[in-house]
Amino acid sequence: MSLIKKILAPTDCSETSKDTINFALNLKKKHDAKLTILYITTPPEYIDEFSDTNNLYRQIADQTVAY
């Protein structure tokens, strides 16, 4: 029985983080663990009460890269 049950792998979708995700995937397979991938992004510099939040969410979704 493996002690590793859950793995959290943060990524910013850079080349370096892709290696980290591949490592996490191999670890998941080896230990039959649950893998959660957390996409890290830089927030917008300024949001005021009049900002179009739907547009903001759309921009973030457009930046998300599927592995």
Protein backbone atom coordinates (compact mmCIF):
# COMPACT_ATOMS: atom_id res chain seq x y z
CA MET A 1 0.00 0.00 0.00
CA SER A 2 1.43 3.35 -1.09
CA LEU A 3 1.63 6.34 1.23
CA ILE A 4 1.11 8.69 -1.73
CA LYS A 5 -2.61 9.12 -2.35
CA LYS A 6 -2.91 12.68 -3.66
CA ILE A 7 -0.55 14.79 -5.77
CA LEU A 8 -0.83 18.54 -6.40
CA ALA A 9 1.13 19.76 -9.41
CA PRO A 10 1.18 23.52 -9.96
CA THR A 11 1.95 24.77 -13.48
CA ASP A 12 2.30 28.01 -15.40
CA CYS A 13 2.50 26.07 -18.69
CA SER A 14 6.17 26.93 -19.18
CA GLU A 15 8.56 24.36 -20.65
CA THR A 16 10.01 23.71 -17.19
CA SER A 17 6.61 23.09 -15.64
CA LYS A 18 5.74 20.60 -18.41
CA ASP A 19 8.58 18.42 -17.13
CA THR A 20 7.09 18.71 -13.64
CA ILE A 21 3.66 17.65 -14.91
CA ASN A 22 5.17 14.63 -16.66
CA PHE A 23 6.93 13.67 -13.42
CA ALA A 24 3.63 14.02 -11.52
CA LEU A 25 1.84 11.87 -14.11
CA ASN A 26 4.43 9.11 -13.73
CA LEU A 27 4.18 9.34 -9.94
CA LYS A 28 0.38 9.13 -10.19
CA LYS A 29 0.61 5.96 -12.28
CA LYS A 30 3.22 4.37 -10.02
CA HIS A 31 1.22 4.95 -6.83
CA ASP A 32 -2.32 4.89 -8.26
CA ALA A 33 -2.82 8.35 -6.75
CA LYS A 34 -5.21 11.19 -7.51
CA LEU A 35 -3.55 14.01 -9.47
CA THR A 36 -4.73 17.61 -9.32
CA ILE A 37 -3.15 20.10 -11.70
CA LEU A 38 -3.28 23.74 -10.57
CA TYR A 39 -2.84 26.33 -13.32
CA ILE A 40 -1.05 29.44 -12.07
CA THR A 41 -1.48 32.73 -13.90
CA THR A 42 -0.61 36.35 -13.28
CA PRO A 43 -3.71 38.32 -12.28
CA PRO A 44 -4.57 41.51 -14.15
CA GLU A 45 -2.88 44.60 -12.78
CA TYR A 46 -6.09 46.42 -11.98
CA ILE A 47 -9.75 45.51 -11.64
CA ASP A 48 -12.31 48.03 -10.53
CA GLU A 49 -15.97 47.64 -9.71
CA PHE A 50 -16.89 48.52 -13.30
CA SER A 51 -14.68 45.90 -14.96
CA ASP A 52 -16.26 43.33 -17.22
CA THR A 53 -15.61 40.17 -15.17
CA ASN A 54 -17.03 37.91 -17.90
CA ASN A 55 -14.40 39.26 -20.28
CA LEU A 56 -11.73 38.66 -17.62
CA TYR A 57 -12.81 35.03 -17.17
CA ARG A 58 -12.82 34.58 -20.95
CA GLN A 59 -9.24 35.90 -21.18
CA ILE A 60 -8.09 33.53 -18.44
CA ALA A 61 -9.81 30.59 -20.13
CA ASP A 62 -8.17 31.49 -23.45
CA GLN A 63 -4.75 31.36 -21.78
CA THR A 64 -5.33 27.90 -20.32
CA VAL A 65 -3.40 25.18 -22.10
CA ALA A 66 -4.60 21.58 -22.05
CA TYR A 67 -1.99 18.89 -21.56
